[in-house]
Amino acid sequence: PRLICGVHYLYFAFILFCLTATIAMGVSLCTSPIPEKHVSREEASYRK
């Protein structure tokens, strides 16, 4: 069916990426954050 397979697979990859990010952010905002002492400091660590 065109509704399922009509979208080019590379367009579908971008749509799937956005939907996954939306689900992850939505569930995270509706649940408790990771305690500050456990949150990774990767960015600050490798830059500083």
All heavy atoms as atom14 arrays in JSON, in Angstrom:
{
  "sequence": "PRLICGVHYLYFAFILFCLTATIAMGVSLCTSPIPEKHVSREEASYRK",
  "atom14_mask": [
    [1, 1, 1, 1, 1, 1, 1, 0, 0, 0, 0, 0, 0, 0],
    [1, 1, 1, 1, 1, 1, 1, 1, 1, 1, 1, 0, 0, 0],
    [1, 1, 1, 1, 1, 1, 1, 1, 0, 0, 0, 0, 0, 0],
    [1, 1, 1, 1, 1, 1, 1, 1, 0, 0, 0, 0, 0, 0],
    [1, 1, 1, 1, 1, 1, 0, 0, 0, 0, 0, 0, 0, 0],
    [1, 1, 1, 1, 0, 0, 0, 0, 0, 0, 0, 0, 0, 0],
    [1, 1, 1, 1, 1, 1, 1, 0, 0, 0, 0, 0, 0, 0],
    [1, 1, 1, 1, 1, 1, 1, 1, 1, 1, 0, 0, 0, 0],
    [1, 1, 1, 1, 1, 1, 1, 1, 1, 1, 1, 1, 0, 0],
    [1, 1, 1, 1, 1, 1, 1, 1, 0, 0, 0, 0, 0, 0],
    [1, 1, 1, 1, 1, 1, 1, 1, 1, 1, 1, 1, 0, 0],
    [1, 1, 1, 1, 1, 1, 1, 1, 1, 1, 1, 0, 0, 0],
    [1, 1, 1, 1, 1, 0, 0, 0, 0, 0, 0, 0, 0, 0],
    [1, 1, 1, 1, 1, 1, 1, 1, 1, 1, 1, 0, 0, 0],
    [1, 1, 1, 1, 1, 1, 1, 1, 0, 0, 0, 0, 0, 0],
    [1, 1, 1, 1, 1, 1, 1, 1, 0, 0, 0, 0, 0, 0],
    [1, 1, 1, 1, 1, 1, 1, 1, 1, 1, 1, 0, 0, 0],
    [1, 1, 1, 1, 1, 1, 0, 0, 0, 0, 0, 0, 0, 0],
    [1, 1, 1, 1, 1, 1, 1, 1, 0, 0, 0, 0, 0, 0],
    [1, 1, 1, 1, 1, 1, 1, 0, 0, 0, 0, 0, 0, 0],
    [1, 1, 1, 1, 1, 0, 0, 0, 0, 0, 0, 0, 0, 0],
    [1, 1, 1, 1, 1, 1, 1, 0, 0, 0, 0, 0, 0, 0],
    [1, 1, 1, 1, 1, 1, 1, 1, 0, 0, 0, 0, 0, 0],
    [1, 1, 1, 1, 1, 0, 0, 0, 0, 0, 0, 0, 0, 0],
    [1, 1, 1, 1, 1, 1, 1, 1, 0, 0, 0, 0, 0, 0],
    [1, 1, 1, 1, 0, 0, 0, 0, 0, 0, 0, 0, 0, 0],
    [1, 1, 1, 1, 1, 1, 1, 0, 0, 0, 0, 0, 0, 0],
    [1, 1, 1, 1, 1, 1, 0, 0, 0, 0, 0, 0, 0, 0],
    [1, 1, 1, 1, 1, 1, 1, 1, 0, 0, 0, 0, 0, 0],
    [1, 1, 1, 1, 1, 1, 0, 0, 0, 0, 0, 0, 0, 0],
    [1, 1, 1, 1, 1, 1, 1, 0, 0, 0, 0, 0, 0, 0],
    [1, 1, 1, 1, 1, 1, 0, 0, 0, 0, 0, 0, 0, 0],
    [1, 1, 1, 1, 1, 1, 1, 0, 0, 0, 0, 0, 0, 0],
    [1, 1, 1, 1, 1, 1, 1, 1, 0, 0, 0, 0, 0, 0],
    [1, 1, 1, 1, 1, 1, 1, 0, 0, 0, 0, 0, 0, 0],
    [1, 1, 1, 1, 1, 1, 1, 1, 1, 0, 0, 0, 0, 0],
    [1, 1, 1, 1, 1, 1, 1, 1, 1, 0, 0, 0, 0, 0],
    [1, 1, 1, 1, 1, 1, 1, 1, 1, 1, 0, 0, 0, 0],
    [1, 1, 1, 1, 1, 1, 1, 0, 0, 0, 0, 0, 0, 0],
    [1, 1, 1, 1, 1, 1, 0, 0, 0, 0, 0, 0, 0, 0],
    [1, 1, 1, 1, 1, 1, 1, 1, 1, 1, 1, 0, 0, 0],
    [1, 1, 1, 1, 1, 1, 1, 1, 1, 0, 0, 0, 0, 0],
    [1, 1, 1, 1, 1, 1, 1, 1, 1, 0, 0, 0, 0, 0],
    [1, 1, 1, 1, 1, 0, 0, 0, 0, 0, 0, 0, 0, 0],
    [1, 1, 1, 1, 1, 1, 0, 0, 0, 0, 0, 0, 0, 0],
    [1, 1, 1, 1, 1, 1, 1, 1, 1, 1, 1, 1, 0, 0],
    [1, 1, 1, 1, 1, 1, 1, 1, 1, 1, 1, 0, 0, 0],
    [1, 1, 1, 1, 1, 1, 1, 1, 1, 0, 0, 0, 0, 0]
  ],
  "atom14_positions": [
    [[0.83, -1.22, 0.0], [0.0, 0.0, 0.0], [0.85, 1.26, 0.0], [1.84, 1.36, 0.73], [-0.81, -0.13, 1.3], [-0.85, -1.59, 1.58], [0.46, -2.14, 1.09], [0.0, 0.0, 0.0], [0.0, 0.0, 0.0], [0.0, 0.0, 0.0], [0.0, 0.0, 0.0], [0.0, 0.0, 0.0], [0.0, 0.0, 0.0], [0.0, 0.0, 0.0]],
    [[0.44, 2.23, -0.79], [1.23, 3.46, -0.93], [1.31, 4.22, 0.39], [2.31, 4.89, 0.67], [0.61, 4.35, -2.01], [1.41, 5.61, -2.3], [0.93, 6.33, -3.54], [1.7, 7.53, -3.79], [2.9, 7.55, -4.35], [3.45, 6.42, -4.73], [3.52, 8.7, -4.55], [0.0, 0.0, 0.0], [0.0, 0.0, 0.0], [0.0, 0.0, 0.0]],
    [[0.29, 4.11, 1.23], [0.3, 4.78, 2.52], [1.47, 4.31, 3.38], [2.02, 5.08, 4.16], [-1.02, 4.52, 3.25], [-1.17, 5.16, 4.63], [-1.14, 6.69, 4.52], [-2.45, 4.69, 5.32], [0.0, 0.0, 0.0], [0.0, 0.0, 0.0], [0.0, 0.0, 0.0], [0.0, 0.0, 0.0], [0.0, 0.0, 0.0], [0.0, 0.0, 0.0]],
    [[1.85, 3.03, 3.2], [2.93, 2.46, 4.0], [4.28, 2.59, 3.31], [5.27, 3.02, 3.9], [2.65, 0.98, 4.32], [1.36, 0.85, 5.13], [3.82, 0.35, 5.07], [0.94, -0.58, 5.39], [0.0, 0.0, 0.0], [0.0, 0.0, 0.0], [0.0, 0.0, 0.0], [0.0, 0.0, 0.0], [0.0, 0.0, 0.0], [0.0, 0.0, 0.0]],
    [[4.33, 2.21, 2.03], [5.6, 2.13, 1.31], [5.83, 3.27, 0.34], [6.84, 3.26, -0.38], [5.68, 0.79, 0.56], [5.51, -0.66, 1.62], [0.0, 0.0, 0.0], [0.0, 0.0, 0.0], [0.0, 0.0, 0.0], [0.0, 0.0, 0.0], [0.0, 0.0, 0.0], [0.0, 0.0, 0.0], [0.0, 0.0, 0.0], [0.0, 0.0, 0.0]],
    [[4.92, 4.23, 0.28], [5.05, 5.29, -0.72], [6.09, 6.34, -0.4], [6.57, 7.03, -1.3], [0.0, 0.0, 0.0], [0.0, 0.0, 0.0], [0.0, 0.0, 0.0], [0.0, 0.0, 0.0], [0.0, 0.0, 0.0], [0.0, 0.0, 0.0], [0.0, 0.0, 0.0], [0.0, 0.0, 0.0], [0.0, 0.0, 0.0], [0.0, 0.0, 0.0]],
    [[6.46, 6.49, 0.87], [7.45, 7.49, 1.25], [8.85, 6.92, 1.0], [9.15, 5.79, 1.37], [7.29, 7.86, 2.74], [8.34, 8.89, 3.16], [5.89, 8.39, 3.0], [0.0, 0.0, 0.0], [0.0, 0.0, 0.0], [0.0, 0.0, 0.0], [0.0, 0.0, 0.0], [0.0, 0.0, 0.0], [0.0, 0.0, 0.0], [0.0, 0.0, 0.0]],
    [[9.71, 7.71, 0.38], [11.09, 7.26, 0.12], [11.76, 6.88, 1.43], [11.58, 7.53, 2.47], [11.87, 8.38, -0.57], [13.19, 7.94, -1.13], [14.33, 7.81, -0.37], [13.56, 7.59, -2.4], [15.34, 7.41, -1.12], [14.89, 7.27, -2.36], [0.0, 0.0, 0.0], [0.0, 0.0, 0.0], [0.0, 0.0, 0.0], [0.0, 0.0, 0.0]],
    [[12.56, 5.82, 1.39], [13.12, 5.3, 2.64], [14.01, 6.29, 3.36], [14.12, 6.27, 4.59], [13.86, 3.98, 2.39], [15.02, 4.03, 1.43], [16.28, 4.43, 1.85], [14.86, 3.64, 0.1], [17.35, 4.45, 0.98], [15.94, 3.66, -0.78], [17.18, 4.07, -0.34], [18.24, 4.1, -1.2], [0.0, 0.0, 0.0], [0.0, 0.0, 0.0]],
    [[14.67, 7.2, 2.64], [15.5, 8.19, 3.31], [14.65, 9.28, 3.96], [15.0, 9.8, 5.04], [16.5, 8.8, 2.33], [17.62, 7.87, 1.86], [18.52, 8.56, 0.85], [18.44, 7.37, 3.04], [0.0, 0.0, 0.0], [0.0, 0.0, 0.0], [0.0, 0.0, 0.0], [0.0, 0.0, 0.0], [0.0, 0.0, 0.0], [0.0, 0.0, 0.0]],
    [[13.53, 9.66, 3.34], [12.59, 10.55, 4.01], [12.04, 9.87, 5.27], [11.87, 10.49, 6.31], [11.43, 10.91, 3.07], [11.73, 12.02, 2.1], [11.44, 11.89, 0.75], [12.28, 13.22, 2.53], [11.7, 12.9, -0.16], [12.54, 14.25, 1.64], [12.25, 14.08, 0.3], [12.52, 15.1, -0.58], [0.0, 0.0, 0.0], [0.0, 0.0, 0.0]],
    [[11.74, 8.59, 5.14], [11.21, 7.84, 6.28], [12.22, 7.83, 7.43], [11.84, 7.91, 8.61], [10.86, 6.41, 5.88], [10.28, 5.59, 6.98], [8.94, 5.66, 7.29], [11.09, 4.74, 7.73], [8.41, 4.91, 8.33], [10.58, 3.99, 8.77], [9.22, 4.07, 9.07], [0.0, 0.0, 0.0], [0.0, 0.0, 0.0], [0.0, 0.0, 0.0]],
    [[13.52, 7.74, 7.11], [14.55, 7.75, 8.15], [14.5, 9.05, 8.95], [14.61, 9.04, 10.19], [15.93, 7.55, 7.53], [0.0, 0.0, 0.0], [0.0, 0.0, 0.0], [0.0, 0.0, 0.0], [0.0, 0.0, 0.0], [0.0, 0.0, 0.0], [0.0, 0.0, 0.0], [0.0, 0.0, 0.0], [0.0, 0.0, 0.0], [0.0, 0.0, 0.0]],
    [[14.31, 10.18, 8.27], [14.24, 11.46, 8.96], [12.98, 11.55, 9.83], [13.03, 12.01, 10.98], [14.27, 12.61, 7.95], [14.17, 13.96, 8.57], [15.21, 14.48, 9.32], [13.01, 14.72, 8.42], [15.11, 15.74, 9.91], [12.9, 15.98, 9.0], [13.95, 16.49, 9.75], [0.0, 0.0, 0.0], [0.0, 0.0, 0.0], [0.0, 0.0, 0.0]],
    [[11.85, 11.09, 9.29], [10.6, 11.09, 10.07], [10.74, 10.21, 11.31], [10.33, 10.59, 12.41], [9.43, 10.62, 9.18], [9.2, 11.61, 8.04], [8.16, 10.45, 10.01], [8.22, 11.11, 6.99], [0.0, 0.0, 0.0], [0.0, 0.0, 0.0], [0.0, 0.0, 0.0], [0.0, 0.0, 0.0], [0.0, 0.0, 0.0], [0.0, 0.0, 0.0]],
    [[11.32, 9.03, 11.13], [11.49, 8.11, 12.25], [12.42, 8.7, 13.31], [12.18, 8.53, 14.52], [12.05, 6.78, 11.73], [12.29, 5.66, 12.74], [11.01, 5.35, 13.51], [12.81, 4.41, 12.04], [0.0, 0.0, 0.0], [0.0, 0.0, 0.0], [0.0, 0.0, 0.0], [0.0, 0.0, 0.0], [0.0, 0.0, 0.0], [0.0, 0.0, 0.0]],
    [[13.46, 9.38, 12.89], [14.38, 10.04, 13.82], [13.63, 11.06, 14.67], [13.77, 11.1, 15.91], [15.51, 10.7, 13.03], [16.5, 11.45, 13.87], [17.6, 10.82, 14.4], [16.33, 12.82, 14.11], [18.53, 11.52, 15.17], [17.24, 13.52, 14.88], [18.35, 12.87, 15.41], [0.0, 0.0, 0.0], [0.0, 0.0, 0.0], [0.0, 0.0, 0.0]],
    [[12.82, 11.89, 14.03], [12.07, 12.93, 14.75], [11.04, 12.31, 15.7], [10.87, 12.79, 16.84], [11.39, 13.86, 13.76], [12.53, 14.84, 12.75], [0.0, 0.0, 0.0], [0.0, 0.0, 0.0], [0.0, 0.0, 0.0], [0.0, 0.0, 0.0], [0.0, 0.0, 0.0], [0.0, 0.0, 0.0], [0.0, 0.0, 0.0], [0.0, 0.0, 0.0]],
    [[10.35, 11.26, 15.27], [9.35, 10.62, 16.13], [10.01, 9.98, 17.35], [9.49, 10.06, 18.47], [8.57, 9.57, 15.33], [7.63, 10.1, 14.24], [7.01, 8.95, 13.46], [6.54, 10.98, 14.86], [0.0, 0.0, 0.0], [0.0, 0.0, 0.0], [0.0, 0.0, 0.0], [0.0, 0.0, 0.0], [0.0, 0.0, 0.0], [0.0, 0.0, 0.0]],
    [[11.16, 9.35, 17.14], [11.87, 8.74, 18.26], [12.31, 9.81, 19.27], [12.14, 9.63, 20.49], [13.11, 7.98, 17.76], [12.7, 6.95, 16.87], [13.87, 7.36, 18.92], [0.0, 0.0, 0.0], [0.0, 0.0, 0.0], [0.0, 0.0, 0.0], [0.0, 0.0, 0.0], [0.0, 0.0, 0.0], [0.0, 0.0, 0.0], [0.0, 0.0, 0.0]],
    [[12.85, 10.91, 18.78], [13.27, 11.99, 19.68], [12.08, 12.56, 20.44], [12.18, 12.88, 21.64], [13.98, 13.08, 18.89], [0.0, 0.0, 0.0], [0.0, 0.0, 0.0], [0.0, 0.0, 0.0], [0.0, 0.0, 0.0], [0.0, 0.0, 0.0], [0.0, 0.0, 0.0], [0.0, 0.0, 0.0], [0.0, 0.0, 0.0], [0.0, 0.0, 0.0]],
    [[10.94, 12.68, 19.76], [9.73, 13.21, 20.41], [9.27, 12.28, 21.52], [8.92, 12.72, 22.63], [8.61, 13.39, 19.38], [9.06, 14.3, 18.36], [7.37, 13.95, 20.03], [0.0, 0.0, 0.0], [0.0, 0.0, 0.0], [0.0, 0.0, 0.0], [0.0, 0.0, 0.0], [0.0, 0.0, 0.0], [0.0, 0.0, 0.0], [0.0, 0.0, 0.0]],
    [[9.24, 10.96, 21.25], [8.82, 9.99, 22.27], [9.77, 10.04, 23.46], [9.35, 10.06, 24.62], [8.78, 8.57, 21.67], [7.69, 8.48, 20.61], [8.53, 7.53, 22.77], [7.7, 7.17, 19.83], [0.0, 0.0, 0.0], [0.0, 0.0, 0.0], [0.0, 0.0, 0.0], [0.0, 0.0, 0.0], [0.0, 0.0, 0.0], [0.0, 0.0, 0.0]],
    [[11.08, 10.05, 23.18], [12.06, 10.05, 24.26], [11.94, 11.3, 25.13], [11.96, 11.22, 26.37], [13.47, 9.94, 23.69], [0.0, 0.0, 0.0], [0.0, 0.0, 0.0], [0.0, 0.0, 0.0], [0.0, 0.0, 0.0], [0.0, 0.0, 0.0], [0.0, 0.0, 0.0], [0.0, 0.0, 0.0], [0.0, 0.0, 0.0], [0.0, 0.0, 0.0]],
    [[11.78, 12.45, 24.51], [11.65, 13.68, 25.28], [10.33, 13.72, 26.04], [10.29, 14.14, 27.21], [11.75, 14.9, 24.35], [13.16, 15.18, 23.85], [14.34, 15.5, 25.18], [13.55, 16.85, 26.04], [0.0, 0.0, 0.0], [0.0, 0.0, 0.0], [0.0, 0.0, 0.0], [0.0, 0.0, 0.0], [0.0, 0.0, 0.0], [0.0, 0.0, 0.0]],
    [[9.24, 13.28, 25.4], [7.94, 13.29, 26.07], [7.92, 12.42, 27.31], [7.46, 12.84, 28.38], [0.0, 0.0, 0.0], [0.0, 0.0, 0.0], [0.0, 0.0, 0.0], [0.0, 0.0, 0.0], [0.0, 0.0, 0.0], [0.0, 0.0, 0.0], [0.0, 0.0, 0.0], [0.0, 0.0, 0.0], [0.0, 0.0, 0.0], [0.0, 0.0, 0.0]],
    [[8.42, 11.18, 27.18], [8.44, 10.28, 28.34], [9.38, 10.81, 29.42], [9.08, 10.72, 30.61], [8.85, 8.85, 27.89], [9.02, 7.94, 29.1], [7.82, 8.27, 26.94], [0.0, 0.0, 0.0], [0.0, 0.0, 0.0], [0.0, 0.0, 0.0], [0.0, 0.0, 0.0], [0.0, 0.0, 0.0], [0.0, 0.0, 0.0], [0.0, 0.0, 0.0]],
    [[10.51, 11.36, 29.03], [11.47, 11.89, 30.01], [10.88, 13.04, 30.8], [11.06, 13.14, 32.03], [12.75, 12.35, 29.32], [13.41, 11.27, 28.7], [0.0, 0.0, 0.0], [0.0, 0.0, 0.0], [0.0, 0.0, 0.0], [0.0, 0.0, 0.0], [0.0, 0.0, 0.0], [0.0, 0.0, 0.0], [0.0, 0.0, 0.0], [0.0, 0.0, 0.0]],
    [[10.13, 13.92, 30.13], [9.53, 15.06, 30.82], [8.4, 14.65, 31.74], [8.07, 15.38, 32.69], [9.05, 16.09, 29.79], [10.13, 16.8, 28.98], [9.52, 17.67, 27.89], [11.04, 17.64, 29.89], [0.0, 0.0, 0.0], [0.0, 0.0, 0.0], [0.0, 0.0, 0.0], [0.0, 0.0, 0.0], [0.0, 0.0, 0.0], [0.0, 0.0, 0.0]],
    [[7.8, 13.49, 31.46], [6.7, 13.0, 32.3], [7.18, 12.11, 33.44], [6.36, 11.64, 34.23], [5.69, 12.23, 31.44], [4.83, 13.26, 30.24], [0.0, 0.0, 0.0], [0.0, 0.0, 0.0], [0.0, 0.0, 0.0], [0.0, 0.0, 0.0], [0.0, 0.0, 0.0], [0.0, 0.0, 0.0], [0.0, 0.0, 0.0], [0.0, 0.0, 0.0]],
    [[8.45, 11.86, 33.52], [9.01, 11.02, 34.57], [10.12, 11.77, 35.29], [10.55, 12.85, 34.86], [9.56, 9.7, 34.0], [10.47, 9.98, 32.93], [8.43, 8.83, 33.46], [0.0, 0.0, 0.0], [0.0, 0.0, 0.0], [0.0, 0.0, 0.0], [0.0, 0.0, 0.0], [0.0, 0.0, 0.0], [0.0, 0.0, 0.0], [0.0, 0.0, 0.0]],
    [[10.61, 11.18, 36.37], [11.62, 11.85, 37.2], [12.94, 11.95, 36.46], [13.35, 11.0, 35.77], [11.82, 11.09, 38.5], [10.6, 11.01, 39.23], [0.0, 0.0, 0.0], [0.0, 0.0, 0.0], [0.0, 0.0, 0.0], [0.0, 0.0, 0.0], [0.0, 0.0, 0.0], [0.0, 0.0, 0.0], [0.0, 0.0, 0.0], [0.0, 0.0, 0.0]],
    [[13.66, 13.06, 36.6], [14.98, 13.17, 35.96], [16.01, 12.29, 36.66], [15.81, 11.86, 37.8], [15.31, 14.65, 36.12], [14.56, 15.09, 37.33], [13.29, 14.28, 37.34], [0.0, 0.0, 0.0], [0.0, 0.0, 0.0], [0.0, 0.0, 0.0], [0.0, 0.0, 0.0], [0.0, 0.0, 0.0], [0.0, 0.0, 0.0], [0.0, 0.0, 0.0]],
    [[17.09, 12.04, 35.97], [18.2, 11.3, 36.57], [18.81, 12.16, 37.66], [19.01, 13.37, 37.46], [19.26, 10.96, 35.5], [18.64, 10.06, 34.42], [20.47, 10.29, 36.12], [19.58, 9.78, 33.27], [0.0, 0.0, 0.0], [0.0, 0.0, 0.0], [0.0, 0.0, 0.0], [0.0, 0.0, 0.0], [0.0, 0.0, 0.0], [0.0, 0.0, 0.0]],
    [[19.11, 11.6, 38.83], [19.75, 12.39, 39.88], [21.01, 13.09, 39.37], [21.77, 12.53, 38.58], [20.09, 11.35, 40.95], [19.09, 10.27, 40.74], [18.83, 10.23, 39.27], [0.0, 0.0, 0.0], [0.0, 0.0, 0.0], [0.0, 0.0, 0.0], [0.0, 0.0, 0.0], [0.0, 0.0, 0.0], [0.0, 0.0, 0.0], [0.0, 0.0, 0.0]],
    [[21.2, 14.31, 39.83], [22.29, 15.13, 39.33], [23.65, 14.46, 39.47], [24.52, 14.6, 38.62], [22.3, 16.47, 40.06], [23.27, 17.49, 39.47], [22.85, 17.94, 38.08], [21.65, 17.9, 37.76], [23.75, 18.33, 37.31], [0.0, 0.0, 0.0], [0.0, 0.0, 0.0], [0.0, 0.0, 0.0], [0.0, 0.0, 0.0], [0.0, 0.0, 0.0]],
    [[23.83, 13.69, 40.55], [25.14, 13.07, 40.77], [25.44, 11.97, 39.76], [26.58, 11.56, 39.61], [25.21, 12.49, 42.18], [24.25, 11.31, 42.42], [24.42, 10.76, 43.82], [23.48, 9.57, 44.06], [23.67, 9.0, 45.41], [0.0, 0.0, 0.0], [0.0, 0.0, 0.0], [0.0, 0.0, 0.0], [0.0, 0.0, 0.0], [0.0, 0.0, 0.0]],
    [[24.39, 11.47, 39.06], [24.6, 10.41, 38.09], [24.6, 10.92, 36.65], [24.9, 10.17, 35.74], [23.51, 9.35, 38.21], [23.63, 8.52, 39.44], [24.8, 7.95, 39.83], [22.7, 8.16, 40.37], [24.63, 7.27, 40.94], [23.35, 7.39, 41.3], [0.0, 0.0, 0.0], [0.0, 0.0, 0.0], [0.0, 0.0, 0.0], [0.0, 0.0, 0.0]],
    [[24.21, 12.18, 36.44], [24.12, 12.69, 35.07], [25.53, 12.79, 34.49], [26.45, 13.29, 35.13], [23.44, 14.07, 35.03], [23.48, 14.64, 33.62], [22.0, 13.93, 35.49], [0.0, 0.0, 0.0], [0.0, 0.0, 0.0], [0.0, 0.0, 0.0], [0.0, 0.0, 0.0], [0.0, 0.0, 0.0], [0.0, 0.0, 0.0], [0.0, 0.0, 0.0]],
    [[25.69, 12.32, 33.26], [27.01, 12.32, 32.64], [27.5, 13.74, 32.4], [26.72, 14.64, 32.14], [26.96, 11.56, 31.31], [26.08, 12.21, 30.44], [0.0, 0.0, 0.0], [0.0, 0.0, 0.0], [0.0, 0.0, 0.0], [0.0, 0.0, 0.0], [0.0, 0.0, 0.0], [0.0, 0.0, 0.0], [0.0, 0.0, 0.0], [0.0, 0.0, 0.0]],
    [[28.82, 13.91, 32.51], [29.43, 15.21, 32.25], [30.35, 15.1, 31.03], [31.41, 15.69, 30.98], [30.26, 15.66, 33.46], [29.49, 15.7, 34.76], [30.24, 16.53, 35.81], [31.65, 16.22, 35.87], [32.17, 15.33, 36.72], [31.4, 14.68, 37.55], [33.47, 15.11, 36.73], [0.0, 0.0, 0.0], [0.0, 0.0, 0.0], [0.0, 0.0, 0.0]],
    [[29.88, 14.34, 30.03], [30.77, 14.08, 28.89], [31.22, 15.37, 28.22], [32.4, 15.6, 28.0], [30.09, 13.2, 27.83], [29.58, 11.89, 28.34], [28.09, 11.95, 28.53], [27.6, 12.98, 29.01], [27.43, 10.97, 28.19], [0.0, 0.0, 0.0], [0.0, 0.0, 0.0], [0.0, 0.0, 0.0], [0.0, 0.0, 0.0], [0.0, 0.0, 0.0]],
    [[30.22, 16.23, 27.88], [30.56, 17.4, 27.07], [31.57, 18.28, 27.8], [32.61, 18.65, 27.27], [29.3, 18.2, 26.74], [28.26, 17.41, 25.97], [27.26, 16.73, 26.88], [27.58, 16.51, 28.06], [26.18, 16.41, 26.42], [0.0, 0.0, 0.0], [0.0, 0.0, 0.0], [0.0, 0.0, 0.0], [0.0, 0.0, 0.0], [0.0, 0.0, 0.0]],
    [[31.25, 18.62, 29.07], [32.16, 19.47, 29.83], [33.5, 18.78, 30.05], [34.55, 19.41, 30.03], [31.53, 19.82, 31.17], [0.0, 0.0, 0.0], [0.0, 0.0, 0.0], [0.0, 0.0, 0.0], [0.0, 0.0, 0.0], [0.0, 0.0, 0.0], [0.0, 0.0, 0.0], [0.0, 0.0, 0.0], [0.0, 0.0, 0.0], [0.0, 0.0, 0.0]],
    [[33.45, 17.46, 30.2], [34.67, 16.73, 30.5], [35.65, 16.77, 29.35], [36.82, 17.09, 29.51], [34.33, 15.29, 30.87], [35.49, 14.58, 31.18], [0.0, 0.0, 0.0], [0.0, 0.0, 0.0], [0.0, 0.0, 0.0], [0.0, 0.0, 0.0], [0.0, 0.0, 0.0], [0.0, 0.0, 0.0], [0.0, 0.0, 0.0], [0.0, 0.0, 0.0]],
    [[35.19, 16.45, 28.15], [36.16, 16.37, 27.06], [36.52, 17.74, 26.52], [37.57, 17.92, 25.9], [35.68, 15.44, 25.95], [34.74, 16.01, 24.93], [35.21, 16.79, 23.89], [33.37, 15.74, 24.98], [34.35, 17.3, 22.94], [32.51, 16.24, 24.03], [33.0, 17.02, 23.02], [32.14, 17.5, 22.08], [0.0, 0.0, 0.0], [0.0, 0.0, 0.0]],
    [[35.67, 18.74, 26.77], [36.03, 20.07, 26.29], [36.97, 20.8, 27.26], [37.8, 21.58, 26.88], [34.76, 20.91, 26.08], [33.94, 20.46, 24.87], [32.91, 21.51, 24.49], [32.17, 21.1, 23.3], [30.99, 20.53, 23.32], [30.39, 20.28, 24.46], [30.38, 20.19, 22.21], [0.0, 0.0, 0.0], [0.0, 0.0, 0.0], [0.0, 0.0, 0.0]],
    [[36.81, 20.5, 28.55], [37.6, 21.2, 29.56], [38.71, 20.34, 30.15], [39.43, 20.77, 31.03], [36.69, 21.68, 30.69], [35.6, 22.65, 30.21], [34.69, 23.04, 31.37], [33.57, 23.95, 30.89], [32.65, 24.31, 31.99], [0.0, 0.0, 0.0], [0.0, 0.0, 0.0], [0.0, 0.0, 0.0], [0.0, 0.0, 0.0], [0.0, 0.0, 0.0]]
  ]
}
